[in-house]
Amino acid sequence: MITEILVKILSITLLIGVGVVLILGIGTLFKGGETSKKYSNKLMQLRVLLQFIAIIALVSFAYFFKN
């Protein structure tokens, strides 16, 4: 019971984190200028890393908690 709630909270947190970084990355990309040069690529790299972590976590949850 507690494990299921923890898995759901962790899954939702990871997905929201990816979404926030994606929106920030797109925002800096469209802002342009010095901010875009400085942060846009780093935010997209962070998004890819968070997506990788989220996918690994979700696949692991699906594997270990299948019923």
N, C-alpha and C. Protein backbone atom coordinates (compact mmCIF):
# COMPACT_ATOMS: atom_id res chain seq x y z
N MET A 1 0.82 -1.19 0.00
CA MET A 1 0.00 0.00 0.00
C MET A 1 0.87 1.26 0.00
N ILE A 2 1.76 1.38 0.96
CA ILE A 2 2.64 2.55 1.03
C ILE A 2 3.59 2.56 -0.16
N THR A 3 4.04 1.39 -0.58
CA THR A 3 4.94 1.30 -1.72
C THR A 3 4.27 1.79 -2.99
N GLU A 4 3.00 1.44 -3.19
CA GLU A 4 2.27 1.89 -4.37
C GLU A 4 2.14 3.41 -4.39
N ILE A 5 1.85 3.99 -3.24
CA ILE A 5 1.73 5.44 -3.15
C ILE A 5 3.07 6.10 -3.43
N LEU A 6 4.14 5.55 -2.87
CA LEU A 6 5.48 6.09 -3.09
C LEU A 6 5.87 6.02 -4.56
N VAL A 7 5.55 4.91 -5.23
CA VAL A 7 5.86 4.75 -6.65
C VAL A 7 5.09 5.77 -7.47
N LYS A 8 3.81 5.97 -7.16
CA LYS A 8 3.01 6.95 -7.89
C LYS A 8 3.55 8.36 -7.70
N ILE A 9 3.89 8.71 -6.46
CA ILE A 9 4.42 10.05 -6.19
C ILE A 9 5.75 10.26 -6.91
N LEU A 10 6.63 9.26 -6.86
CA LEU A 10 7.92 9.37 -7.54
C LEU A 10 7.75 9.48 -9.05
N SER A 11 6.84 8.70 -9.61
CA SER A 11 6.59 8.74 -11.06
C SER A 11 6.07 10.11 -11.49
N ILE A 12 5.11 10.62 -10.76
CA ILE A 12 4.54 11.92 -11.09
C ILE A 12 5.58 13.02 -10.93
N THR A 13 6.40 12.94 -9.89
CA THR A 13 7.45 13.93 -9.67
C THR A 13 8.45 13.93 -10.82
N LEU A 14 8.86 12.75 -11.26
CA LEU A 14 9.80 12.66 -12.38
C LEU A 14 9.20 13.25 -13.66
N LEU A 15 7.95 12.94 -13.94
CA LEU A 15 7.32 13.44 -15.16
C LEU A 15 7.12 14.95 -15.10
N ILE A 16 6.76 15.47 -13.94
CA ILE A 16 6.61 16.92 -13.79
C ILE A 16 7.98 17.60 -13.94
N GLY A 17 9.02 16.99 -13.39
CA GLY A 17 10.37 17.55 -13.53
C GLY A 17 10.79 17.65 -14.98
N VAL A 18 10.53 16.60 -15.76
CA VAL A 18 10.86 16.62 -17.18
C VAL A 18 10.07 17.73 -17.88
N GLY A 19 8.80 17.85 -17.56
CA GLY A 19 7.97 18.88 -18.18
C GLY A 19 8.44 20.29 -17.86
N VAL A 20 8.82 20.52 -16.61
CA VAL A 20 9.29 21.85 -16.21
C VAL A 20 10.58 22.21 -16.93
N VAL A 21 11.51 21.27 -16.99
CA VAL A 21 12.78 21.55 -17.67
C VAL A 21 12.54 21.75 -19.17
N LEU A 22 11.62 20.99 -19.75
CA LEU A 22 11.29 21.17 -21.16
C LEU A 22 10.74 22.57 -21.41
N ILE A 23 9.81 23.01 -20.60
CA ILE A 23 9.22 24.34 -20.77
C ILE A 23 10.27 25.44 -20.57
N LEU A 24 11.13 25.28 -19.56
CA LEU A 24 12.20 26.27 -19.36
C LEU A 24 13.16 26.31 -20.55
N GLY A 25 13.50 25.14 -21.08
CA GLY A 25 14.40 25.07 -22.23
C GLY A 25 13.81 25.73 -23.46
N ILE A 26 12.54 25.46 -23.73
CA ILE A 26 11.89 26.07 -24.89
C ILE A 26 11.76 27.58 -24.68
N GLY A 27 11.46 27.98 -23.45
CA GLY A 27 11.36 29.42 -23.16
C GLY A 27 12.66 30.16 -23.40
N THR A 28 13.77 29.60 -22.95
CA THR A 28 15.05 30.25 -23.18
C THR A 28 15.45 30.20 -24.64
N LEU A 29 15.04 29.16 -25.34
CA LEU A 29 15.35 29.07 -26.77
C LEU A 29 14.65 30.19 -27.52
N PHE A 30 13.39 30.45 -27.21
CA PHE A 30 12.64 31.50 -27.90
C PHE A 30 13.01 32.89 -27.41
N LYS A 31 13.55 32.99 -26.19
CA LYS A 31 13.95 34.30 -25.68
C LYS A 31 15.12 34.85 -26.49
N GLY A 32 16.02 33.97 -26.86
CA GLY A 32 17.15 34.37 -27.71
C GLY A 32 18.20 35.15 -26.95
N GLY A 33 19.14 35.66 -27.69
CA GLY A 33 20.18 36.50 -27.11
C GLY A 33 21.18 35.72 -26.28
N GLU A 34 21.78 36.42 -25.34
CA GLU A 34 22.83 35.84 -24.49
C GLU A 34 22.29 34.75 -23.58
N THR A 35 21.07 34.91 -23.11
CA THR A 35 20.46 33.90 -22.24
C THR A 35 20.32 32.58 -22.97
N SER A 36 19.89 32.65 -24.21
CA SER A 36 19.72 31.44 -25.01
C SER A 36 21.05 30.74 -25.22
N LYS A 37 22.07 31.50 -25.55
CA LYS A 37 23.39 30.92 -25.77
C LYS A 37 23.93 30.25 -24.51
N LYS A 38 23.63 30.85 -23.36
CA LYS A 38 24.21 30.37 -22.11
C LYS A 38 23.46 29.17 -21.53
N TYR A 39 22.12 29.17 -21.60
CA TYR A 39 21.35 28.18 -20.87
C TYR A 39 20.57 27.18 -21.71
N SER A 40 20.27 27.50 -22.95
CA SER A 40 19.37 26.65 -23.73
C SER A 40 19.91 25.23 -23.90
N ASN A 41 21.16 25.11 -24.29
CA ASN A 41 21.75 23.79 -24.51
C ASN A 41 21.86 23.00 -23.21
N LYS A 42 22.23 23.67 -22.14
CA LYS A 42 22.35 23.00 -20.84
C LYS A 42 20.99 22.48 -20.35
N LEU A 43 19.93 23.28 -20.55
CA LEU A 43 18.60 22.84 -20.14
C LEU A 43 18.13 21.64 -20.96
N MET A 44 18.45 21.64 -22.24
CA MET A 44 18.04 20.50 -23.07
C MET A 44 18.83 19.24 -22.69
N GLN A 45 20.09 19.41 -22.34
CA GLN A 45 20.87 18.26 -21.87
C GLN A 45 20.30 17.73 -20.56
N LEU A 46 19.90 18.63 -19.67
CA LEU A 46 19.28 18.23 -18.40
C LEU A 46 17.96 17.51 -18.66
N ARG A 47 17.19 17.98 -19.64
CA ARG A 47 15.93 17.33 -19.99
C ARG A 47 16.16 15.90 -20.47
N VAL A 48 17.16 15.70 -21.31
CA VAL A 48 17.45 14.36 -21.80
C VAL A 48 17.87 13.45 -20.64
N LEU A 49 18.66 13.96 -19.73
CA LEU A 49 19.08 13.18 -18.57
C LEU A 49 17.87 12.82 -17.69
N LEU A 50 16.99 13.79 -17.45
CA LEU A 50 15.80 13.52 -16.64
C LEU A 50 14.87 12.53 -17.34
N GLN A 51 14.77 12.63 -18.66
CA GLN A 51 13.94 11.67 -19.40
C GLN A 51 14.51 10.26 -19.27
N PHE A 52 15.82 10.14 -19.34
CA PHE A 52 16.46 8.84 -19.20
C PHE A 52 16.17 8.25 -17.82
N ILE A 53 16.32 9.08 -16.79
CA ILE A 53 16.05 8.62 -15.42
C ILE A 53 14.58 8.23 -15.26
N ALA A 54 13.69 9.05 -15.81
CA ALA A 54 12.25 8.76 -15.71
C ALA A 54 11.89 7.47 -16.42
N ILE A 55 12.43 7.25 -17.59
CA ILE A 55 12.12 6.03 -18.35
C ILE A 55 12.64 4.80 -17.61
N ILE A 56 13.87 4.86 -17.12
CA ILE A 56 14.43 3.74 -16.37
C ILE A 56 13.59 3.46 -15.12
N ALA A 57 13.19 4.51 -14.41
CA ALA A 57 12.39 4.33 -13.20
C ALA A 57 11.02 3.74 -13.53
N LEU A 58 10.35 4.26 -14.55
CA LEU A 58 9.02 3.77 -14.91
C LEU A 58 9.06 2.32 -15.40
N VAL A 59 10.06 1.97 -16.18
CA VAL A 59 10.19 0.59 -16.64
C VAL A 59 10.50 -0.33 -15.46
N SER A 60 11.35 0.14 -14.54
CA SER A 60 11.65 -0.66 -13.34
C SER A 60 10.41 -0.85 -12.49
N PHE A 61 9.62 0.21 -12.31
CA PHE A 61 8.39 0.08 -11.53
C PHE A 61 7.44 -0.90 -12.20
N ALA A 62 7.31 -0.82 -13.50
CA ALA A 62 6.41 -1.72 -14.21
C ALA A 62 6.88 -3.17 -14.08
N TYR A 63 8.18 -3.38 -14.11
CA TYR A 63 8.72 -4.74 -14.01
C TYR A 63 8.54 -5.31 -12.61
N PHE A 64 8.89 -4.53 -11.60
CA PHE A 64 8.89 -5.05 -10.23
C PHE A 64 7.51 -5.05 -9.57
N PHE A 65 6.60 -4.21 -10.05
CA PHE A 65 5.30 -4.12 -9.40
C PHE A 65 4.16 -4.61 -10.30
N LYS A 66 4.48 -5.43 -11.29
CA LYS A 66 3.41 -5.96 -12.15
C LYS A 66 2.58 -6.97 -11.35
N ASN A 67 1.31 -6.97 -11.61
CA ASN A 67 0.40 -7.87 -10.90
C ASN A 67 -0.25 -8.80 -11.86
